[in-house]
Amino acid sequence: IDSTISTAGHSIRLEVKNWTKIGTKDALIFIPGFNSWLKHSLETFGQMMAMTKLSQKVYPVLFAWPGGQVPTYLQASLISASENNQKYFLQMLRSLQAEGITNIHIVTHSLGVQTLMNCFKDNSDGSPSQVSRCFGPAPTSGDHSSSIAQFGKLVCR
């Protein structure tokens, strides 16, 4: 994979070498917090990934949302809990699932927690959110394949 992203006149280049597809697919989703612009979030997540000993079967995914800076904290808080953020998170999960991702690991920071919690918040009628419905029950043993096969849903770890 080799792609270049341009934002506000700055180019950010992502280059992935020796990527190996493996049977079981996991994704590690990082949801950054307030005052964390895209470049900073990518650098932070990249450092985090470089310092871990995660398996090559874990795909790093950044869920970037429009944060803010000190004067715009209230607006950023409203955006983090918005229906649009929930819609985009759901779209990302469905895309990952369509690509064969079965296990989802989520790391979040600061106001990113509000984004995540809003995505799992029940609907006003008490029914589970669309994001919640993407996930099946957590496996009770080390083998989660039966849970995925039985329910056809993601497993959140």
Protein backbone atom coordinates (compact mmCIF):
# COMPACT_ATOMS: atom_id res chain seq x y z
CA ILE A 1 0.00 0.00 0.00
CA ASP A 2 1.35 3.36 -0.90
CA SER A 3 -0.77 6.48 -0.68
CA THR A 4 -0.40 10.17 -0.05
CA ILE A 5 -2.94 12.34 1.79
CA SER A 6 -2.92 16.12 1.49
CA THR A 7 -4.47 18.27 4.20
CA ALA A 8 -4.18 22.02 4.63
CA GLY A 9 -1.26 22.17 2.22
CA HIS A 10 0.69 19.40 4.01
CA SER A 11 1.26 15.98 2.51
CA ILE A 12 1.25 12.89 4.68
CA ARG A 13 2.59 9.73 3.09
CA LEU A 14 1.59 6.26 4.21
CA GLU A 15 3.76 3.43 3.01
CA VAL A 16 3.22 -0.15 4.16
CA LYS A 17 5.88 -2.70 3.22
CA ASN A 18 5.83 -6.48 3.50
CA TRP A 19 2.15 -6.59 4.51
CA THR A 20 1.07 -10.19 4.93
CA LYS A 21 -2.53 -11.29 4.83
CA ILE A 22 -3.24 -14.00 7.39
CA GLY A 23 -6.35 -16.15 7.88
CA THR A 24 -7.68 -14.58 11.08
CA LYS A 25 -7.95 -10.83 10.93
CA ASP A 26 -7.94 -8.47 13.88
CA ALA A 27 -8.19 -4.70 13.82
CA LEU A 28 -6.87 -2.30 16.43
CA ILE A 29 -8.92 0.89 16.21
CA PHE A 30 -7.48 4.03 17.79
CA ILE A 31 -9.89 6.87 18.52
CA PRO A 32 -7.84 9.96 19.42
CA GLY A 33 -8.97 12.63 21.81
CA PHE A 34 -9.58 16.34 21.82
CA ASN A 35 -6.90 18.64 20.36
CA SER A 36 -5.43 15.82 18.29
CA TRP A 37 -5.31 16.71 14.61
CA LEU A 38 -4.81 14.04 11.94
CA LYS A 39 -1.02 14.24 11.62
CA HIS A 40 -0.55 14.17 15.39
CA SER A 41 -2.97 11.24 15.75
CA LEU A 42 -1.16 9.25 13.06
CA GLU A 43 2.21 9.92 14.71
CA THR A 44 0.89 8.93 18.14
CA PHE A 45 -0.73 5.76 16.83
CA GLY A 46 2.37 4.92 14.80
CA GLN A 47 4.56 5.24 17.90
CA MET A 48 2.13 3.10 19.86
CA MET A 49 2.20 0.39 17.19
CA ALA A 50 5.99 0.52 16.91
CA MET A 51 6.40 0.00 20.66
CA THR A 52 4.11 -3.04 20.85
CA LYS A 53 4.74 -6.65 20.01
CA LEU A 54 1.40 -7.17 18.31
CA SER A 55 0.99 -9.93 15.79
CA GLN A 56 1.18 -9.13 12.10
CA LYS A 57 -2.45 -10.19 11.85
CA VAL A 58 -3.53 -6.97 13.62
CA TYR A 59 -4.50 -4.21 11.20
CA PRO A 60 -4.05 -0.71 12.66
CA VAL A 61 -7.01 1.60 11.96
CA LEU A 62 -7.31 5.25 12.97
CA PHE A 63 -10.83 6.62 13.45
CA ALA A 64 -10.17 10.32 13.08
CA TRP A 65 -12.96 12.70 14.00
CA PRO A 66 -12.88 16.50 13.86
CA GLY A 67 -11.50 17.37 17.30
CA GLY A 68 -10.67 20.92 18.22
CA GLN A 69 -8.54 23.24 20.28
CA VAL A 70 -9.18 24.95 23.61
CA PRO A 71 -11.51 27.68 22.27
CA THR A 72 -13.62 25.07 20.45
CA TYR A 73 -13.91 22.44 23.20
CA LEU A 74 -17.71 22.67 23.45
CA GLN A 75 -18.13 22.29 19.69
CA ALA A 76 -15.68 19.36 19.63
CA SER A 77 -17.60 17.71 22.47
CA LEU A 78 -20.85 18.03 20.52
CA ILE A 79 -19.21 16.61 17.38
CA SER A 80 -17.71 13.67 19.28
CA ALA A 81 -21.20 12.67 20.48
CA SER A 82 -22.96 13.42 17.18
CA GLU A 83 -25.06 11.07 15.09
CA ASN A 84 -22.66 11.70 12.19
CA ASN A 85 -19.74 10.35 14.22
CA GLN A 86 -21.84 7.31 15.14
CA LYS A 87 -22.79 6.82 11.47
CA TYR A 88 -19.16 7.01 10.31
CA PHE A 89 -17.98 4.63 13.06
CA LEU A 90 -20.68 2.15 12.02
CA GLN A 91 -19.65 2.52 8.38
CA MET A 92 -16.04 1.79 9.34
CA LEU A 93 -17.04 -1.32 11.33
CA ARG A 94 -19.15 -2.67 8.48
CA SER A 95 -16.28 -2.06 6.04
CA LEU A 96 -13.86 -3.91 8.31
CA GLN A 97 -16.30 -6.78 8.67
CA ALA A 98 -16.76 -6.92 4.87
CA GLU A 99 -12.97 -7.30 4.57
CA GLY A 100 -13.01 -10.33 6.87
CA ILE A 101 -12.02 -8.63 10.13
CA THR A 102 -13.43 -10.72 12.98
CA ASN A 103 -11.86 -9.30 16.15
CA ILE A 104 -11.99 -5.63 17.05
CA HIS A 105 -9.69 -4.11 19.66
CA ILE A 106 -10.36 -0.48 20.57
CA VAL A 107 -8.01 2.03 22.17
CA THR A 108 -9.26 5.51 22.83
CA HIS A 109 -8.05 8.63 24.55
CA SER A 110 -9.63 11.68 26.15
CA LEU A 111 -12.72 12.92 24.30
CA GLY A 112 -12.44 9.94 21.96
CA VAL A 113 -14.04 7.95 24.79
CA GLN A 114 -17.19 10.03 24.36
CA THR A 115 -17.21 9.15 20.66
CA LEU A 116 -16.96 5.46 21.46
CA MET A 117 -19.56 5.49 24.25
CA ASN A 118 -22.01 7.42 22.07
CA CYS A 119 -21.66 4.78 19.36
CA PHE A 120 -22.70 2.06 21.81
CA LYS A 121 -25.46 4.11 23.46
CA ASP A 122 -28.88 2.45 23.24
CA ASN A 123 -31.55 4.03 21.07
CA SER A 124 -34.25 6.16 22.71
CA ASP A 125 -36.66 3.19 22.59
CA GLY A 126 -34.19 1.06 24.58
CA SER A 127 -33.08 -1.09 21.65
CA PRO A 128 -29.34 -1.59 21.06
CA SER A 129 -27.59 0.88 18.78
CA GLN A 130 -26.65 -0.19 15.26
CA VAL A 131 -23.01 -0.30 16.39
CA SER A 132 -23.90 -2.59 19.31
CA ARG A 133 -25.74 -4.91 16.93
CA CYS A 134 -22.54 -5.41 14.92
CA PHE A 135 -21.10 -7.38 17.82
CA GLY A 136 -21.97 -10.85 19.02
CA PRO A 137 -21.53 -12.24 22.50
CA ALA A 138 -17.99 -12.41 23.81
CA PRO A 139 -16.47 -15.88 23.58
CA THR A 140 -16.33 -17.84 26.81
CA SER A 141 -13.16 -19.70 25.86
CA GLY A 142 -10.00 -18.92 23.94
CA ASP A 143 -11.63 -20.08 20.70
CA HIS A 144 -13.96 -17.43 19.31
CA SER A 145 -14.54 -19.01 15.91
CA SER A 146 -17.77 -20.67 17.06
CA SER A 147 -19.13 -17.31 18.23
CA ILE A 148 -18.35 -15.73 14.86
CA ALA A 149 -19.73 -18.68 12.89
CA GLN A 150 -22.87 -18.87 15.02
CA PHE A 151 -23.74 -15.18 15.04
CA GLY A 152 -21.82 -13.79 12.03
CA LYS A 153 -20.81 -10.79 14.10
CA LEU A 154 -17.68 -9.05 15.28
CA VAL A 155 -16.03 -9.78 18.61
CA CYS A 156 -14.90 -6.77 20.61
CA ARG A 157 -11.87 -7.39 22.82
